C-alpha atoms as a PDB file:
ATOM      1  CA  MET A   1      42.820   4.605 -48.696  1.00  0.00           C
ATOM      2  CA  ALA A   2      40.439   7.625 -48.941  1.00  0.00           C
ATOM      3  CA  THR A   3      39.626   9.292 -45.402  1.00  0.00           C
ATOM      4  CA  ILE A   4      36.891  11.574 -44.317  1.00  0.00           C
ATOM      5  CA  HIS A   5      37.203  14.354 -41.755  1.00  0.00           C
ATOM      6  CA  VAL A   6      35.341  13.732 -38.522  1.00  0.00           C
ATOM      7  CA  ASP A   7      34.272  16.262 -35.863  1.00  0.00           C
ATOM      8  CA  VAL A   8      32.476  15.276 -32.832  1.00  0.00           C
ATOM      9  CA  VAL A   9      31.412  18.260 -30.776  1.00  0.00           C
ATOM     10  CA  SER A  10      29.340  18.660 -27.372  1.00  0.00           C
ATOM     11  CA  ALA A  11      28.061  21.816 -25.984  1.00  0.00           C
ATOM     12  CA  GLU A  12      31.193  22.137 -23.924  1.00  0.00           C
ATOM     13  CA  GLU A  13      34.025  21.087 -26.299  1.00  0.00           C
ATOM     14  CA  SER A  14      35.356  19.565 -29.376  1.00  0.00           C
ATOM     15  CA  ILE A  15      35.555  15.817 -28.409  1.00  0.00           C
ATOM     16  CA  PHE A  16      37.216  14.438 -31.447  1.00  0.00           C
ATOM     17  CA  SER A  17      38.541  16.068 -34.745  1.00  0.00           C
ATOM     18  CA  GLY A  18      40.531  14.049 -37.213  1.00  0.00           C
ATOM     19  CA  GLU A  19      40.644  11.796 -40.280  1.00  0.00           C
ATOM     20  CA  ALA A  20      38.914   8.533 -40.446  1.00  0.00           C
ATOM     21  CA  LYS A  21      38.313   5.678 -42.765  1.00  0.00           C
ATOM     22  CA  PHE A  22      34.948   4.779 -41.347  1.00  0.00           C
ATOM     23  CA  VAL A  23      32.408   5.984 -38.834  1.00  0.00           C
ATOM     24  CA  SER A  24      29.223   4.215 -37.415  1.00  0.00           C
ATOM     25  CA  LEU A  25      26.735   5.591 -35.052  1.00  0.00           C
ATOM     26  CA  PRO A  26      23.100   5.174 -33.971  1.00  0.00           C
ATOM     27  CA  GLY A  27      20.690   6.946 -36.220  1.00  0.00           C
ATOM     28  CA  GLU A  28      16.943   7.145 -35.383  1.00  0.00           C
ATOM     29  CA  ALA A  29      16.009   4.418 -37.759  1.00  0.00           C
ATOM     30  CA  GLY A  30      19.003   2.268 -37.055  1.00  0.00           C
ATOM     31  CA  GLU A  31      22.833   2.014 -37.221  1.00  0.00           C
ATOM     32  CA  LEU A  32      24.568   4.329 -39.850  1.00  0.00           C
ATOM     33  CA  GLY A  33      27.951   3.493 -41.550  1.00  0.00           C
ATOM     34  CA  ILE A  34      29.734   6.173 -43.153  1.00  0.00           C
ATOM     35  CA  TYR A  35      32.676   5.985 -45.594  1.00  0.00           C
ATOM     36  CA  PRO A  36      34.526   8.537 -47.489  1.00  0.00           C
ATOM     37  CA  ARG A  37      32.415  10.185 -50.368  1.00  0.00           C
ATOM     38  CA  HIS A  38      29.165   9.334 -48.633  1.00  0.00           C
ATOM     39  CA  THR A  39      25.979  10.982 -49.882  1.00  0.00           C
ATOM     40  CA  PRO A  40      25.000  14.184 -48.207  1.00  0.00           C
ATOM     41  CA  LEU A  41      22.755  13.608 -45.191  1.00  0.00           C
ATOM     42  CA  ILE A  42      21.448  15.422 -42.215  1.00  0.00           C
ATOM     43  CA  THR A  43      19.706  13.351 -39.554  1.00  0.00           C
ATOM     44  CA  ARG A  44      18.985  13.129 -35.840  1.00  0.00           C
ATOM     45  CA  ILE A  45      20.913  10.449 -33.804  1.00  0.00           C
ATOM     46  CA  LYS A  46      19.996   8.349 -30.869  1.00  0.00           C
ATOM     47  CA  ALA A  47      21.978   8.043 -27.653  1.00  0.00           C
ATOM     48  CA  GLY A  48      24.753   5.513 -28.126  1.00  0.00           C
ATOM     49  CA  SER A  49      28.310   5.078 -29.264  1.00  0.00           C
ATOM     50  CA  VAL A  50      30.054   6.684 -32.064  1.00  0.00           C
ATOM     51  CA  ARG A  51      32.833   4.357 -33.506  1.00  0.00           C
ATOM     52  CA  ILE A  52      35.485   6.187 -35.425  1.00  0.00           C
ATOM     53  CA  GLU A  53      37.950   3.877 -37.267  1.00  0.00           C
ATOM     54  CA  LYS A  54      40.880   6.213 -37.728  1.00  0.00           C
ATOM     55  CA  GLU A  55      43.491   6.346 -40.663  1.00  0.00           C
ATOM     56  CA  ASP A  56      46.072   4.151 -38.693  1.00  0.00           C
ATOM     57  CA  GLY A  57      43.474   1.490 -38.067  1.00  0.00           C
ATOM     58  CA  THR A  58      42.979   2.153 -34.341  1.00  0.00           C
ATOM     59  CA  GLU A  59      39.412   3.009 -33.088  1.00  0.00           C
ATOM     60  CA  GLU A  60      37.960   5.975 -31.077  1.00  0.00           C
ATOM     61  CA  PHE A  61      34.779   5.566 -29.170  1.00  0.00           C
ATOM     62  CA  VAL A  62      32.539   8.444 -28.024  1.00  0.00           C
ATOM     63  CA  PHE A  63      29.316   8.190 -26.335  1.00  0.00           C
ATOM     64  CA  VAL A  64      26.656  10.728 -27.393  1.00  0.00           C
ATOM     65  CA  ALA A  65      23.222  11.410 -25.718  1.00  0.00           C
ATOM     66  CA  GLY A  66      21.643  11.944 -29.111  1.00  0.00           C
ATOM     67  CA  GLY A  67      22.073  14.892 -31.452  1.00  0.00           C
ATOM     68  CA  ILE A  68      22.490  15.880 -35.055  1.00  0.00           C
ATOM     69  CA  LEU A  69      24.544  14.213 -37.759  1.00  0.00           C
ATOM     70  CA  GLU A  70      25.591  16.045 -40.935  1.00  0.00           C
ATOM     71  CA  VAL A  71      27.399  14.234 -43.533  1.00  0.00           C
ATOM     72  CA  GLN A  72      29.238  15.733 -46.556  1.00  0.00           C
ATOM     73  CA  PRO A  73      31.295  13.768 -48.979  1.00  0.00           C
ATOM     74  CA  ASN A  74      34.580  14.624 -47.275  1.00  0.00           C
ATOM     75  CA  CYS A  75      33.266  15.605 -43.825  1.00  0.00           C
ATOM     76  CA  VAL A  76      31.272  14.097 -40.934  1.00  0.00           C
ATOM     77  CA  THR A  77      29.918  16.450 -38.069  1.00  0.00           C
ATOM     78  CA  VAL A  78      28.183  15.083 -35.052  1.00  0.00           C
ATOM     79  CA  LEU A  79      26.648  17.579 -32.798  1.00  0.00           C
ATOM     80  CA  SER A  80      25.536  16.537 -29.362  1.00  0.00           C
ATOM     81  CA  ASP A  81      24.596  18.257 -26.149  1.00  0.00           C
ATOM     82  CA  THR A  82      26.516  15.610 -24.272  1.00  0.00           C
ATOM     83  CA  ALA A  83      29.415  13.605 -25.511  1.00  0.00           C
ATOM     84  CA  VAL A  84      32.018  11.685 -23.633  1.00  0.00           C
ATOM     85  CA  ARG A  85      35.156  10.012 -24.889  1.00  0.00           C
ATOM     86  CA  GLY A  86      35.060   6.350 -24.349  1.00  0.00           C
ATOM     87  CA  LYS A  87      38.135   6.366 -22.075  1.00  0.00           C
ATOM     88  CA  ASP A  88      36.363   8.968 -19.825  1.00  0.00           C
ATOM     89  CA  LEU A  89      33.208   6.995 -19.337  1.00  0.00           C
ATOM     90  CA  ASP A  90      32.798   5.964 -15.496  1.00  0.00           C
ATOM     91  CA  ASP A  91      31.117   2.960 -14.418  1.00  0.00           C
ATOM     92  CA  GLU A  92      30.063   4.012 -11.083  1.00  0.00           C
ATOM     93  CA  LYS A  93      28.738   7.434 -12.245  1.00  0.00           C
ATOM     94  CA  ALA A  94      26.812   5.796 -14.977  1.00  0.00           C
ATOM     95  CA  ASN A  95      25.342   3.056 -12.821  1.00  0.00           C
ATOM     96  CA  ALA A  96      24.436   5.735 -10.062  1.00  0.00           C
ATOM     97  CA  ALA A  97      22.735   7.996 -12.718  1.00  0.00           C
ATOM     98  CA  LYS A  98      20.751   4.896 -14.025  1.00  0.00           C
ATOM     99  CA  ALA A  99      19.581   4.103 -10.406  1.00  0.00           C
ATOM    100  CA  ALA A 100      18.601   7.712  -9.958  1.00  0.00           C
ATOM    101  CA  ALA A 101      16.615   7.774 -13.252  1.00  0.00           C
ATOM    102  CA  GLU A 102      14.868   4.594 -12.215  1.00  0.00           C
ATOM    103  CA  ASP A 103      13.773   6.087  -8.972  1.00  0.00           C
ATOM    104  CA  ALA A 104      12.599   9.201 -10.603  1.00  0.00           C
ATOM    105  CA  LEU A 105      10.589   7.048 -12.939  1.00  0.00           C
ATOM    106  CA  LYS A 106       9.051   5.219  -9.889  1.00  0.00           C
ATOM    107  CA  ASN A 107       8.265   8.536  -8.157  1.00  0.00           C
ATOM    108  CA  ALA A 108       7.113  10.425 -11.275  1.00  0.00           C
ATOM    109  CA  LYS A 109       3.751  12.141 -10.592  1.00  0.00           C
ATOM    110  CA  THR A 110       2.969  13.778 -13.865  1.00  0.00           C
ATOM    111  CA  GLU A 111       3.458  12.891 -17.513  1.00  0.00           C
ATOM    112  CA  ILE A 112       6.146  15.334 -17.946  1.00  0.00           C
ATOM    113  CA  ASP A 113       8.156  13.844 -14.875  1.00  0.00           C
ATOM    114  CA  MET A 114       7.570  10.233 -16.387  1.00  0.00           C
ATOM    115  CA  ALA A 115       8.849  11.486 -19.808  1.00  0.00           C
ATOM    116  CA  LYS A 116      11.910  13.084 -18.387  1.00  0.00           C
ATOM    117  CA  ALA A 117      12.740  10.044 -16.212  1.00  0.00           C
ATOM    118  CA  THR A 118      12.148   7.644 -19.154  1.00  0.00           C
ATOM    119  CA  SER A 119      14.477   9.773 -21.426  1.00  0.00           C
ATOM    120  CA  GLU A 120      17.114   9.866 -18.852  1.00  0.00           C
ATOM    121  CA  LEU A 121      16.846   6.132 -18.267  1.00  0.00           C
ATOM    122  CA  ALA A 122      17.234   5.483 -21.838  1.00  0.00           C
ATOM    123  CA  ILE A 123      20.303   7.838 -22.191  1.00  0.00           C
ATOM    124  CA  MET A 124      21.974   6.027 -19.187  1.00  0.00           C
ATOM    125  CA  ALA A 125      21.257   2.592 -20.457  1.00  0.00           C
ATOM    126  CA  ALA A 126      22.969   3.666 -23.857  1.00  0.00           C
ATOM    127  CA  GLN A 127      25.927   5.036 -21.965  1.00  0.00           C
ATOM    128  CA  ILE A 128      26.302   1.758 -20.117  1.00  0.00           C
ATOM    129  CA  SER A 129      26.144  -0.135 -23.326  1.00  0.00           C
ATOM    130  CA  ALA A 130      28.753   2.108 -24.805  1.00  0.00           C
ATOM    131  CA  LEU A 131      30.963   1.697 -21.803  1.00  0.00           C
ATOM    132  CA  ARG A 132      30.762  -2.088 -22.358  1.00  0.00           C
ATOM    133  CA  LYS A 133      31.677  -1.765 -25.953  1.00  0.00           C
ATOM    134  CA  PHE A 134      34.539   0.391 -25.228  1.00  0.00           C
ATOM    135  CA  ARG A 135      35.824  -2.023 -22.428  1.00  0.00           C
ATOM    136  CA  GLN A 136      35.570  -4.990 -24.879  1.00  0.00           C
ATOM    137  CA  LYS A 137      37.817  -3.215 -27.397  1.00  0.00           C
ATOM    138  CA  LYS A 138      40.588  -2.520 -24.951  1.00  0.00           C
END
């Protein structure tokens, strides 16, 4: 079966690099599914989980806090400020960060503070959702 090369990169490091049969991730307008020889595309992505079906049939999950997706017929590149391997997601940290974002939203005094807190809350909710998806697959 044909494969496509996938790179998921955060600001700090390369999170995943390898061959895959299929990739799905949260686009701004909805879920995107990418197979080998996909039409070229560049788009923004939302916070959520990137699911990579590898050559051997196993799956890799990566949480991204939004970013940019570039698709070429034989290569998929996901660029994100924050990306975390599914196995490295931490329930306690995610729930604590969500609670902190909720507190920040309650105590926001300006529209900018409110926008920052709302954005952080959305990212943490997406991370918790990604964590649940990863745990279900194990």
